[in-house]
N, C-alpha and C. Protein backbone atom coordinates (compact mmCIF):
# COMPACT_ATOMS: atom_id res chain seq x y z
N UNK A 1 -21.54 8.39 -16.40
CA UNK A 1 -22.99 8.42 -16.43
C UNK A 1 -23.45 9.86 -16.68
N UNK A 2 -24.40 10.00 -17.56
CA UNK A 2 -24.91 11.32 -17.92
C UNK A 2 -25.88 11.79 -16.84
N UNK A 3 -25.76 13.05 -16.48
CA UNK A 3 -26.65 13.64 -15.48
C UNK A 3 -27.80 14.36 -16.17
N UNK A 4 -28.92 14.44 -15.48
CA UNK A 4 -30.13 15.07 -16.03
C UNK A 4 -29.83 16.48 -16.53
N UNK A 5 -29.10 17.26 -15.74
CA UNK A 5 -28.87 18.66 -16.14
C UNK A 5 -27.89 18.79 -17.31
N UNK A 6 -27.25 17.70 -17.70
CA UNK A 6 -26.41 17.71 -18.90
C UNK A 6 -27.27 17.54 -20.16
N UNK A 7 -28.45 16.95 -19.99
CA UNK A 7 -29.36 16.75 -21.11
C UNK A 7 -30.40 17.86 -21.16
N UNK A 8 -31.06 18.09 -20.02
CA UNK A 8 -32.13 19.09 -19.94
C UNK A 8 -31.52 20.41 -19.44
N UNK A 9 -31.03 21.19 -20.36
CA UNK A 9 -30.28 22.39 -20.01
C UNK A 9 -31.14 23.65 -19.87
N UNK A 10 -32.32 23.64 -20.48
CA UNK A 10 -33.15 24.84 -20.44
C UNK A 10 -34.38 24.63 -19.57
N UNK A 11 -34.95 25.72 -19.15
CA UNK A 11 -36.19 25.67 -18.37
C UNK A 11 -37.30 25.00 -19.18
N UNK A 12 -37.37 25.30 -20.46
CA UNK A 12 -38.38 24.71 -21.33
C UNK A 12 -38.21 23.19 -21.43
N UNK A 13 -36.97 22.72 -21.55
CA UNK A 13 -36.72 21.28 -21.63
C UNK A 13 -37.14 20.59 -20.34
N UNK A 14 -36.82 21.18 -19.21
CA UNK A 14 -37.20 20.61 -17.91
C UNK A 14 -38.72 20.56 -17.77
N UNK A 15 -39.37 21.62 -18.17
CA UNK A 15 -40.83 21.68 -18.09
C UNK A 15 -41.47 20.62 -18.98
N UNK A 16 -40.99 20.49 -20.20
CA UNK A 16 -41.55 19.49 -21.11
C UNK A 16 -41.25 18.07 -20.65
N UNK A 17 -40.10 17.86 -20.07
CA UNK A 17 -39.74 16.56 -19.50
C UNK A 17 -40.76 16.16 -18.44
N UNK A 18 -41.05 17.06 -17.52
CA UNK A 18 -42.02 16.76 -16.45
C UNK A 18 -43.43 16.62 -17.01
N UNK A 19 -43.78 17.42 -17.99
CA UNK A 19 -45.11 17.30 -18.59
C UNK A 19 -45.28 15.94 -19.27
N UNK A 20 -44.22 15.43 -19.88
CA UNK A 20 -44.29 14.10 -20.49
C UNK A 20 -44.48 13.03 -19.41
N UNK A 21 -43.76 13.15 -18.32
CA UNK A 21 -43.93 12.20 -17.22
C UNK A 21 -45.34 12.26 -16.66
N UNK A 22 -45.86 13.46 -16.51
CA UNK A 22 -47.22 13.64 -16.00
C UNK A 22 -48.23 13.02 -16.95
N UNK A 23 -48.03 13.24 -18.23
CA UNK A 23 -48.95 12.69 -19.23
C UNK A 23 -49.07 11.18 -19.11
N UNK A 24 -47.97 10.51 -18.95
CA UNK A 24 -48.00 9.06 -18.82
C UNK A 24 -48.59 8.67 -17.47
N UNK A 25 -48.27 9.41 -16.44
CA UNK A 25 -48.83 9.15 -15.11
C UNK A 25 -50.36 9.24 -15.13
N UNK A 26 -50.89 10.16 -15.91
CA UNK A 26 -52.34 10.35 -16.01
C UNK A 26 -53.02 9.31 -16.89
N UNK A 27 -52.25 8.54 -17.64
CA UNK A 27 -52.84 7.63 -18.63
C UNK A 27 -53.71 6.55 -18.00
N UNK A 28 -53.47 6.22 -16.73
CA UNK A 28 -54.32 5.20 -16.07
C UNK A 28 -55.54 5.83 -15.40
N UNK A 29 -55.71 7.14 -15.56
CA UNK A 29 -56.84 7.89 -15.03
C UNK A 29 -56.92 7.90 -13.50
N UNK A 30 -55.79 7.60 -12.86
CA UNK A 30 -55.70 7.66 -11.40
C UNK A 30 -54.57 8.62 -11.07
N UNK A 31 -54.94 9.74 -10.47
CA UNK A 31 -53.93 10.74 -10.12
C UNK A 31 -53.95 10.91 -8.61
N UNK A 32 -52.93 10.36 -7.97
CA UNK A 32 -52.84 10.45 -6.53
C UNK A 32 -52.14 11.74 -6.13
N UNK A 33 -52.48 12.24 -4.98
CA UNK A 33 -51.82 13.44 -4.47
C UNK A 33 -50.31 13.19 -4.34
N UNK A 34 -49.93 11.98 -3.97
CA UNK A 34 -48.50 11.65 -3.84
C UNK A 34 -47.78 11.77 -5.19
N UNK A 35 -48.48 11.45 -6.27
CA UNK A 35 -47.89 11.60 -7.60
C UNK A 35 -47.65 13.07 -7.91
N UNK A 36 -48.64 13.88 -7.60
CA UNK A 36 -48.48 15.32 -7.84
C UNK A 36 -47.30 15.86 -7.05
N UNK A 37 -47.22 15.47 -5.79
CA UNK A 37 -46.13 15.95 -4.94
C UNK A 37 -44.77 15.48 -5.47
N UNK A 38 -44.73 14.28 -6.01
CA UNK A 38 -43.50 13.77 -6.60
C UNK A 38 -43.04 14.69 -7.74
N UNK A 39 -43.97 15.08 -8.60
CA UNK A 39 -43.60 15.91 -9.74
C UNK A 39 -43.18 17.32 -9.32
N UNK A 40 -43.84 17.86 -8.32
CA UNK A 40 -43.43 19.18 -7.82
C UNK A 40 -42.04 19.11 -7.18
N UNK A 41 -41.78 18.02 -6.45
CA UNK A 41 -40.45 17.84 -5.85
C UNK A 41 -39.39 17.66 -6.94
N UNK A 42 -39.75 16.92 -7.99
CA UNK A 42 -38.82 16.73 -9.10
C UNK A 42 -38.51 18.06 -9.77
N UNK A 43 -39.53 18.90 -9.94
CA UNK A 43 -39.32 20.22 -10.55
C UNK A 43 -38.35 21.04 -9.71
N UNK A 44 -38.53 21.00 -8.42
CA UNK A 44 -37.62 21.74 -7.55
C UNK A 44 -36.20 21.19 -7.62
N UNK A 45 -36.08 19.86 -7.65
CA UNK A 45 -34.74 19.26 -7.71
C UNK A 45 -34.06 19.54 -9.05
N UNK A 46 -34.86 19.79 -10.10
CA UNK A 46 -34.29 20.17 -11.39
C UNK A 46 -33.88 21.64 -11.41
N UNK A 47 -34.21 22.35 -10.35
CA UNK A 47 -33.86 23.77 -10.28
C UNK A 47 -34.76 24.65 -11.12
N UNK A 48 -35.99 24.20 -11.35
CA UNK A 48 -36.91 25.00 -12.15
C UNK A 48 -37.33 26.26 -11.40
N UNK A 49 -37.60 27.28 -12.17
CA UNK A 49 -38.10 28.54 -11.60
C UNK A 49 -39.55 28.36 -11.17
N UNK A 50 -40.00 29.20 -10.28
CA UNK A 50 -41.35 29.10 -9.73
C UNK A 50 -42.42 29.14 -10.82
N UNK A 51 -42.22 29.96 -11.83
CA UNK A 51 -43.19 30.06 -12.93
C UNK A 51 -43.34 28.73 -13.66
N UNK A 52 -42.21 28.06 -13.91
CA UNK A 52 -42.25 26.76 -14.57
C UNK A 52 -42.92 25.71 -13.72
N UNK A 53 -42.67 25.76 -12.43
CA UNK A 53 -43.30 24.81 -11.51
C UNK A 53 -44.81 25.03 -11.48
N UNK A 54 -45.22 26.29 -11.45
CA UNK A 54 -46.66 26.60 -11.45
C UNK A 54 -47.34 26.14 -12.74
N UNK A 55 -46.58 26.11 -13.84
CA UNK A 55 -47.18 25.69 -15.11
C UNK A 55 -47.60 24.23 -15.08
N UNK A 56 -47.07 23.46 -14.15
CA UNK A 56 -47.47 22.06 -14.03
C UNK A 56 -48.90 21.93 -13.53
N UNK A 57 -49.40 22.95 -12.82
CA UNK A 57 -50.77 22.92 -12.29
C UNK A 57 -51.81 22.67 -13.38
N UNK A 58 -51.57 23.24 -14.55
CA UNK A 58 -52.55 23.11 -15.64
C UNK A 58 -52.58 21.69 -16.21
N UNK A 59 -51.60 20.88 -15.90
CA UNK A 59 -51.52 19.52 -16.46
C UNK A 59 -52.48 18.54 -15.81
N UNK A 60 -52.98 18.83 -14.63
CA UNK A 60 -53.77 17.85 -13.89
C UNK A 60 -55.21 17.77 -14.36
N UNK A 61 -55.70 18.76 -15.04
CA UNK A 61 -57.07 18.71 -15.54
C UNK A 61 -57.17 17.87 -16.79
N UNK A 62 -58.33 17.90 -17.40
CA UNK A 62 -58.57 17.17 -18.64
C UNK A 62 -58.10 18.04 -19.80
N UNK A 63 -56.79 18.08 -19.98
CA UNK A 63 -56.19 18.94 -21.00
C UNK A 63 -55.26 18.11 -21.88
N UNK A 64 -55.04 18.62 -23.08
CA UNK A 64 -54.11 18.00 -24.01
C UNK A 64 -52.73 18.60 -23.75
N UNK A 65 -51.82 17.81 -23.26
CA UNK A 65 -50.49 18.30 -22.90
C UNK A 65 -49.56 18.13 -24.11
N UNK A 66 -49.10 19.23 -24.63
CA UNK A 66 -48.18 19.22 -25.77
C UNK A 66 -46.74 19.24 -25.25
N UNK A 67 -45.91 18.46 -25.93
CA UNK A 67 -44.51 18.33 -25.51
C UNK A 67 -43.62 18.55 -26.73
N UNK A 68 -42.63 19.42 -26.57
CA UNK A 68 -41.65 19.64 -27.63
C UNK A 68 -40.26 19.77 -27.00
N UNK A 69 -39.28 19.35 -27.74
CA UNK A 69 -37.89 19.51 -27.30
C UNK A 69 -37.08 20.09 -28.44
N UNK A 70 -36.03 20.78 -28.10
CA UNK A 70 -35.21 21.39 -29.14
C UNK A 70 -34.18 20.41 -29.70
N UNK A 71 -33.93 19.31 -28.98
CA UNK A 71 -33.00 18.31 -29.50
C UNK A 71 -33.63 16.92 -29.40
N UNK A 72 -33.22 16.05 -30.28
CA UNK A 72 -33.67 14.65 -30.26
C UNK A 72 -33.20 13.97 -28.98
N UNK A 73 -32.03 14.33 -28.53
CA UNK A 73 -31.45 13.73 -27.32
C UNK A 73 -32.35 13.98 -26.10
N UNK A 74 -32.91 15.17 -25.99
CA UNK A 74 -33.82 15.47 -24.88
C UNK A 74 -35.04 14.55 -24.94
N UNK A 75 -35.56 14.34 -26.13
CA UNK A 75 -36.73 13.48 -26.30
C UNK A 75 -36.44 12.03 -25.97
N UNK A 76 -35.33 11.51 -26.47
CA UNK A 76 -34.97 10.12 -26.20
C UNK A 76 -34.72 9.93 -24.70
N UNK A 77 -34.01 10.86 -24.09
CA UNK A 77 -33.78 10.81 -22.65
C UNK A 77 -35.11 10.76 -21.89
N UNK A 78 -36.04 11.57 -22.30
CA UNK A 78 -37.36 11.61 -21.66
C UNK A 78 -38.07 10.28 -21.78
N UNK A 79 -38.05 9.68 -22.96
CA UNK A 79 -38.68 8.37 -23.16
C UNK A 79 -38.01 7.34 -22.26
N UNK A 80 -36.69 7.38 -22.16
CA UNK A 80 -35.97 6.45 -21.28
C UNK A 80 -36.44 6.61 -19.83
N UNK A 81 -36.54 7.84 -19.38
CA UNK A 81 -36.94 8.10 -18.00
C UNK A 81 -38.39 7.69 -17.74
N UNK A 82 -39.25 7.96 -18.70
CA UNK A 82 -40.67 7.60 -18.56
C UNK A 82 -40.81 6.09 -18.37
N UNK A 83 -40.16 5.33 -19.23
CA UNK A 83 -40.31 3.87 -19.17
C UNK A 83 -39.75 3.34 -17.86
N UNK A 84 -38.64 3.89 -17.40
CA UNK A 84 -38.09 3.47 -16.10
C UNK A 84 -39.07 3.79 -14.97
N UNK A 85 -39.66 4.97 -15.03
CA UNK A 85 -40.62 5.37 -13.99
C UNK A 85 -41.84 4.46 -14.00
N UNK A 86 -42.28 4.08 -15.19
CA UNK A 86 -43.43 3.17 -15.29
C UNK A 86 -43.15 1.84 -14.60
N UNK A 87 -41.93 1.38 -14.68
CA UNK A 87 -41.56 0.08 -14.11
C UNK A 87 -41.35 0.12 -12.60
N UNK A 88 -41.32 1.30 -11.99
CA UNK A 88 -41.06 1.41 -10.56
C UNK A 88 -42.01 0.56 -9.73
N UNK A 89 -43.25 0.48 -10.14
CA UNK A 89 -44.24 -0.31 -9.39
C UNK A 89 -44.26 -1.77 -9.84
N UNK A 90 -43.32 -2.17 -10.68
CA UNK A 90 -43.23 -3.56 -11.12
C UNK A 90 -44.09 -3.88 -12.32
N UNK A 91 -44.79 -2.89 -12.86
CA UNK A 91 -45.65 -3.10 -14.01
C UNK A 91 -45.47 -1.98 -15.03
N UNK A 92 -45.59 -2.34 -16.26
CA UNK A 92 -45.59 -1.38 -17.36
C UNK A 92 -46.82 -1.76 -18.18
N UNK A 93 -47.94 -1.13 -17.84
CA UNK A 93 -49.24 -1.55 -18.37
C UNK A 93 -49.52 -0.96 -19.75
N UNK A 94 -50.49 -1.55 -20.42
CA UNK A 94 -50.79 -1.18 -21.81
C UNK A 94 -51.11 0.30 -22.00
N UNK A 95 -51.87 0.91 -21.08
CA UNK A 95 -52.19 2.33 -21.27
C UNK A 95 -50.93 3.19 -21.17
N UNK A 96 -49.99 2.77 -20.32
CA UNK A 96 -48.72 3.50 -20.24
C UNK A 96 -47.92 3.32 -21.53
N UNK A 97 -47.87 2.08 -22.02
CA UNK A 97 -47.15 1.80 -23.27
C UNK A 97 -47.74 2.62 -24.42
N UNK A 98 -49.08 2.66 -24.49
CA UNK A 98 -49.73 3.42 -25.56
C UNK A 98 -49.37 4.90 -25.49
N UNK A 99 -49.38 5.45 -24.28
CA UNK A 99 -49.06 6.88 -24.13
C UNK A 99 -47.59 7.15 -24.46
N UNK A 100 -46.71 6.24 -24.05
CA UNK A 100 -45.29 6.38 -24.39
C UNK A 100 -45.12 6.41 -25.91
N UNK A 101 -45.82 5.55 -26.60
CA UNK A 101 -45.71 5.50 -28.06
C UNK A 101 -46.28 6.76 -28.72
N UNK A 102 -47.35 7.30 -28.16
CA UNK A 102 -47.90 8.55 -28.69
C UNK A 102 -46.90 9.68 -28.52
N UNK A 103 -46.31 9.76 -27.34
CA UNK A 103 -45.32 10.82 -27.09
C UNK A 103 -44.12 10.64 -28.02
N UNK A 104 -43.64 9.40 -28.14
CA UNK A 104 -42.50 9.13 -29.02
C UNK A 104 -42.81 9.55 -30.45
N UNK A 105 -44.01 9.23 -30.92
CA UNK A 105 -44.40 9.61 -32.28
C UNK A 105 -44.40 11.14 -32.43
N UNK A 106 -44.93 11.84 -31.44
CA UNK A 106 -44.95 13.31 -31.48
C UNK A 106 -43.53 13.88 -31.51
N UNK A 107 -42.59 13.16 -30.90
CA UNK A 107 -41.20 13.63 -30.84
C UNK A 107 -40.34 13.06 -31.97
N UNK A 108 -41.00 12.36 -32.92
CA UNK A 108 -40.31 11.74 -34.06
C UNK A 108 -39.27 10.72 -33.63
N UNK A 109 -39.60 9.96 -32.58
CA UNK A 109 -38.76 8.87 -32.11
C UNK A 109 -39.41 7.58 -32.61
N UNK A 110 -38.64 6.77 -33.31
CA UNK A 110 -39.20 5.58 -33.96
C UNK A 110 -39.67 4.54 -32.95
N UNK A 111 -40.61 3.73 -33.39
CA UNK A 111 -41.10 2.64 -32.52
C UNK A 111 -39.98 1.64 -32.27
N UNK A 112 -39.07 1.48 -33.22
CA UNK A 112 -37.91 0.60 -33.03
C UNK A 112 -37.05 1.12 -31.86
N UNK A 113 -36.85 2.42 -31.81
CA UNK A 113 -36.08 3.01 -30.71
C UNK A 113 -36.79 2.79 -29.37
N UNK A 114 -38.11 2.96 -29.36
CA UNK A 114 -38.88 2.74 -28.13
C UNK A 114 -38.74 1.29 -27.68
N UNK A 115 -38.81 0.36 -28.62
CA UNK A 115 -38.67 -1.06 -28.27
C UNK A 115 -37.28 -1.35 -27.70
N UNK A 116 -36.25 -0.73 -28.25
CA UNK A 116 -34.89 -0.91 -27.73
C UNK A 116 -34.81 -0.37 -26.30
N UNK A 117 -35.40 0.77 -26.06
CA UNK A 117 -35.39 1.36 -24.72
C UNK A 117 -36.16 0.47 -23.75
N UNK A 118 -37.31 -0.03 -24.17
CA UNK A 118 -38.10 -0.93 -23.31
C UNK A 118 -37.28 -2.17 -22.94
N UNK A 119 -36.57 -2.73 -23.90
CA UNK A 119 -35.73 -3.90 -23.65
C UNK A 119 -34.62 -3.59 -22.67
N UNK A 120 -34.00 -2.43 -22.82
CA UNK A 120 -32.93 -1.99 -21.93
C UNK A 120 -33.46 -1.85 -20.50
N UNK A 121 -34.62 -1.22 -20.35
CA UNK A 121 -35.20 -1.04 -19.02
C UNK A 121 -35.57 -2.39 -18.41
N UNK A 122 -36.16 -3.27 -19.20
CA UNK A 122 -36.54 -4.59 -18.69
C UNK A 122 -35.31 -5.37 -18.23
N UNK A 123 -34.24 -5.32 -19.00
CA UNK A 123 -33.00 -6.00 -18.58
C UNK A 123 -32.49 -5.41 -17.28
N UNK A 124 -32.60 -4.11 -17.14
CA UNK A 124 -32.18 -3.46 -15.90
C UNK A 124 -33.02 -3.88 -14.71
N UNK A 125 -34.33 -4.01 -14.93
CA UNK A 125 -35.22 -4.45 -13.85
C UNK A 125 -34.89 -5.89 -13.45
N UNK A 126 -34.65 -6.76 -14.44
CA UNK A 126 -34.29 -8.15 -14.15
C UNK A 126 -32.98 -8.22 -13.39
N UNK A 127 -32.02 -7.40 -13.76
CA UNK A 127 -30.72 -7.34 -13.10
C UNK A 127 -30.90 -6.92 -11.63
N UNK A 128 -31.75 -5.92 -11.41
CA UNK A 128 -32.02 -5.45 -10.05
C UNK A 128 -32.68 -6.54 -9.21
N UNK A 129 -33.66 -7.22 -9.78
CA UNK A 129 -34.34 -8.29 -9.06
C UNK A 129 -33.38 -9.44 -8.73
N UNK A 130 -32.47 -9.74 -9.65
CA UNK A 130 -31.48 -10.77 -9.39
C UNK A 130 -30.58 -10.36 -8.22
N UNK A 131 -30.22 -9.11 -8.18
CA UNK A 131 -29.42 -8.60 -7.05
C UNK A 131 -30.18 -8.71 -5.74
N UNK A 132 -31.48 -8.41 -5.78
CA UNK A 132 -32.30 -8.54 -4.57
C UNK A 132 -32.28 -9.97 -4.05
N UNK A 133 -32.30 -10.95 -4.96
CA UNK A 133 -32.28 -12.36 -4.55
C UNK A 133 -30.94 -12.73 -3.90
N UNK A 134 -29.86 -12.08 -4.34
CA UNK A 134 -28.56 -12.37 -3.75
C UNK A 134 -28.51 -12.01 -2.28
N UNK A 135 -29.34 -11.10 -1.86
CA UNK A 135 -29.37 -10.72 -0.44
C UNK A 135 -29.80 -11.88 0.44
N UNK A 136 -30.50 -12.84 -0.15
CA UNK A 136 -31.00 -13.98 0.62
C UNK A 136 -30.04 -15.17 0.62
N UNK A 137 -28.87 -15.01 -0.03
CA UNK A 137 -27.89 -16.11 -0.04
C UNK A 137 -27.35 -16.34 1.36
N UNK A 138 -27.12 -17.56 1.69
CA UNK A 138 -26.60 -17.92 3.01
C UNK A 138 -25.14 -18.31 2.89
């Protein structure tokens, strides 16, 4: 299994990864303090420097967040993580899907690739739910 730090090797990649997650999180126009704290904790767990963590502060306002990666792999990994995060609450709503597609387009990731990733995540969610049901077997 590939680890995050094997894909996101630079401070810039880590920062852009979190900015992409924040962008999708903001797409429903509801920004909870717990969401902000999640992203700051994620930045720390990624080993980001204090300056990079502080740069996330500018993302919470009404700003256009630009995202770039030096490799296609970083971008695809980010899209995979975003879609998984969207499904955490059991829903992947239209505004999230739209924002994912905008980010993918900016990163030159095809809509076909996004659809494949969405299918992979959905199969994973179904697999997890099936496992949860097994806990109730007698």
